[in-house]
Amino acid sequence: MDDQNEYRAALSRRKVLGLAAGATLGAAVQAAPRKSAARVNEIVLMDATVLSRAIHSRRISCAEVMNAYLDHIGQFNPKVNAWDLPS
């Protein structure tokens, strides 16, 4: 029983969500059409600390981040079907 409780404690909600996000991104990249050579914005590839520093130092704006992620979702969602976006 103790091993099971330790395992559950090791899998925090943040870790599970991080793993799910990584799996979704991995599936999106795999599902991307090969012919069109879909290009991923470098903003969506930044980890949270780098992104936070870039915003704080005003190298990128929050609006740029938001647009990059919305474009990314729009680009890959038709193949992955992870988001129900309004039309």
C-alpha atoms as a PDB file:
ATOM      1  CA  MET A   1       0.000   0.000   0.000  1.00  0.00           C
ATOM      2  CA  ASP A   2       2.804   2.445   0.801  1.00  0.00           C
ATOM      3  CA  ASP A   3       4.330   2.014  -2.648  1.00  0.00           C
ATOM      4  CA  GLN A   4       1.019   2.860  -4.282  1.00  0.00           C
ATOM      5  CA  ASN A   5       0.602   6.021  -2.182  1.00  0.00           C
ATOM      6  CA  GLU A   6       4.142   7.129  -3.024  1.00  0.00           C
ATOM      7  CA  TYR A   7       3.431   6.562  -6.717  1.00  0.00           C
ATOM      8  CA  ARG A   8       0.263   8.658  -6.568  1.00  0.00           C
ATOM      9  CA  ALA A   9       2.062  11.432  -4.710  1.00  0.00           C
ATOM     10  CA  ALA A  10       4.806  11.452  -7.341  1.00  0.00           C
ATOM     11  CA  LEU A  11       2.227  12.022 -10.085  1.00  0.00           C
ATOM     12  CA  SER A  12       1.003  15.481  -9.282  1.00  0.00           C
ATOM     13  CA  ARG A  13      -1.709  17.135 -11.334  1.00  0.00           C
ATOM     14  CA  ARG A  14       0.878  19.439 -12.900  1.00  0.00           C
ATOM     15  CA  LYS A  15       3.001  16.496 -14.040  1.00  0.00           C
ATOM     16  CA  VAL A  16       0.014  14.688 -15.523  1.00  0.00           C
ATOM     17  CA  LEU A  17      -1.116  17.811 -17.394  1.00  0.00           C
ATOM     18  CA  GLY A  18       2.435  18.394 -18.608  1.00  0.00           C
ATOM     19  CA  LEU A  19       2.661  14.851 -19.900  1.00  0.00           C
ATOM     20  CA  ALA A  20      -0.725  15.190 -21.608  1.00  0.00           C
ATOM     21  CA  ALA A  21       0.322  18.454 -23.260  1.00  0.00           C
ATOM     22  CA  GLY A  22       3.545  16.873 -24.452  1.00  0.00           C
ATOM     23  CA  ALA A  23       1.697  13.884 -25.852  1.00  0.00           C
ATOM     24  CA  THR A  24      -0.761  16.161 -27.665  1.00  0.00           C
ATOM     25  CA  LEU A  25       2.046  18.237 -29.146  1.00  0.00           C
ATOM     26  CA  GLY A  26       3.876  15.082 -30.175  1.00  0.00           C
ATOM     27  CA  ALA A  27       0.756  13.741 -31.859  1.00  0.00           C
ATOM     28  CA  ALA A  28       0.224  17.063 -33.611  1.00  0.00           C
ATOM     29  CA  VAL A  29       3.748  17.081 -34.964  1.00  0.00           C
ATOM     30  CA  GLN A  30       3.395  13.487 -36.147  1.00  0.00           C
ATOM     31  CA  ALA A  31       0.040  14.261 -37.762  1.00  0.00           C
ATOM     32  CA  ALA A  32       1.352  17.320 -39.600  1.00  0.00           C
ATOM     33  CA  PRO A  33       1.328  16.949 -43.366  1.00  0.00           C
ATOM     34  CA  ARG A  34       4.798  16.182 -44.658  1.00  0.00           C
ATOM     35  CA  LYS A  35       4.420  17.798 -48.089  1.00  0.00           C
ATOM     36  CA  SER A  36       3.612  21.305 -46.900  1.00  0.00           C
ATOM     37  CA  ALA A  37       6.469  21.316 -44.388  1.00  0.00           C
ATOM     38  CA  ALA A  38       4.371  22.935 -41.654  1.00  0.00           C
ATOM     39  CA  ARG A  39       6.467  25.387 -39.728  1.00  0.00           C
ATOM     40  CA  VAL A  40       6.030  25.677 -35.974  1.00  0.00           C
ATOM     41  CA  ASN A  41       6.408  29.119 -34.420  1.00  0.00           C
ATOM     42  CA  GLU A  42       9.374  29.160 -32.050  1.00  0.00           C
ATOM     43  CA  ILE A  43       7.209  30.773 -29.357  1.00  0.00           C
ATOM     44  CA  VAL A  44       5.214  27.555 -28.884  1.00  0.00           C
ATOM     45  CA  LEU A  45       8.469  25.622 -28.488  1.00  0.00           C
ATOM     46  CA  MET A  46       9.687  27.787 -25.567  1.00  0.00           C
ATOM     47  CA  ASP A  47       9.374  26.391 -22.070  1.00  0.00           C
ATOM     48  CA  ALA A  48       7.480  28.403 -19.470  1.00  0.00           C
ATOM     49  CA  THR A  49      10.492  30.023 -17.801  1.00  0.00           C
ATOM     50  CA  VAL A  50      12.046  31.183 -21.069  1.00  0.00           C
ATOM     51  CA  LEU A  51       8.687  32.449 -22.269  1.00  0.00           C
ATOM     52  CA  SER A  52       8.122  34.300 -18.999  1.00  0.00           C
ATOM     53  CA  ARG A  53      11.520  35.982 -19.212  1.00  0.00           C
ATOM     54  CA  ALA A  54      10.946  36.973 -22.841  1.00  0.00           C
ATOM     55  CA  ILE A  55       7.617  38.574 -21.943  1.00  0.00           C
ATOM     56  CA  HIS A  56       9.057  40.269 -18.861  1.00  0.00           C
ATOM     57  CA  SER A  57      11.969  41.718 -20.849  1.00  0.00           C
ATOM     58  CA  ARG A  58       9.485  42.801 -23.569  1.00  0.00           C
ATOM     59  CA  ARG A  59      11.208  40.823 -26.320  1.00  0.00           C
ATOM     60  CA  ILE A  60       7.781  39.388 -27.121  1.00  0.00           C
ATOM     61  CA  SER A  61       4.313  40.554 -26.128  1.00  0.00           C
ATOM     62  CA  CYS A  62       1.475  38.603 -24.562  1.00  0.00           C
ATOM     63  CA  ALA A  63      -0.516  39.217 -27.745  1.00  0.00           C
ATOM     64  CA  GLU A  64       2.236  37.577 -29.828  1.00  0.00           C
ATOM     65  CA  VAL A  65       2.201  34.554 -27.514  1.00  0.00           C
ATOM     66  CA  MET A  66      -1.570  34.276 -27.691  1.00  0.00           C
ATOM     67  CA  ASN A  67      -1.577  34.567 -31.500  1.00  0.00           C
ATOM     68  CA  ALA A  68       1.227  32.010 -31.815  1.00  0.00           C
ATOM     69  CA  TYR A  69      -0.689  29.466 -29.746  1.00  0.00           C
ATOM     70  CA  LEU A  70      -3.990  30.123 -31.524  1.00  0.00           C
ATOM     71  CA  ASP A  71      -2.259  29.737 -34.912  1.00  0.00           C
ATOM     72  CA  HIS A  72      -0.617  26.544 -33.673  1.00  0.00           C
ATOM     73  CA  ILE A  73      -3.937  25.111 -32.535  1.00  0.00           C
ATOM     74  CA  GLY A  74      -5.549  26.130 -35.823  1.00  0.00           C
ATOM     75  CA  GLN A  75      -2.740  24.498 -37.792  1.00  0.00           C
ATOM     76  CA  PHE A  76      -2.672  21.139 -36.015  1.00  0.00           C
ATOM     77  CA  ASN A  77      -6.174  20.703 -34.603  1.00  0.00           C
ATOM     78  CA  PRO A  78      -7.750  19.363 -37.816  1.00  0.00           C
ATOM     79  CA  LYS A  79      -5.487  16.297 -37.566  1.00  0.00           C
ATOM     80  CA  VAL A  80      -5.487  15.887 -33.780  1.00  0.00           C
ATOM     81  CA  ASN A  81      -9.039  17.089 -33.059  1.00  0.00           C
ATOM     82  CA  ALA A  82      -8.121  18.051 -29.503  1.00  0.00           C
ATOM     83  CA  TRP A  83      -9.956  21.387 -29.357  1.00  0.00           C
ATOM     84  CA  ASP A  84     -13.513  22.346 -30.150  1.00  0.00           C
ATOM     85  CA  LEU A  85     -12.923  25.815 -31.586  1.00  0.00           C
ATOM     86  CA  PRO A  86     -15.794  28.153 -32.429  1.00  0.00           C
ATOM     87  CA  SER A  87     -16.041  28.994 -36.109  1.00  0.00           C
END
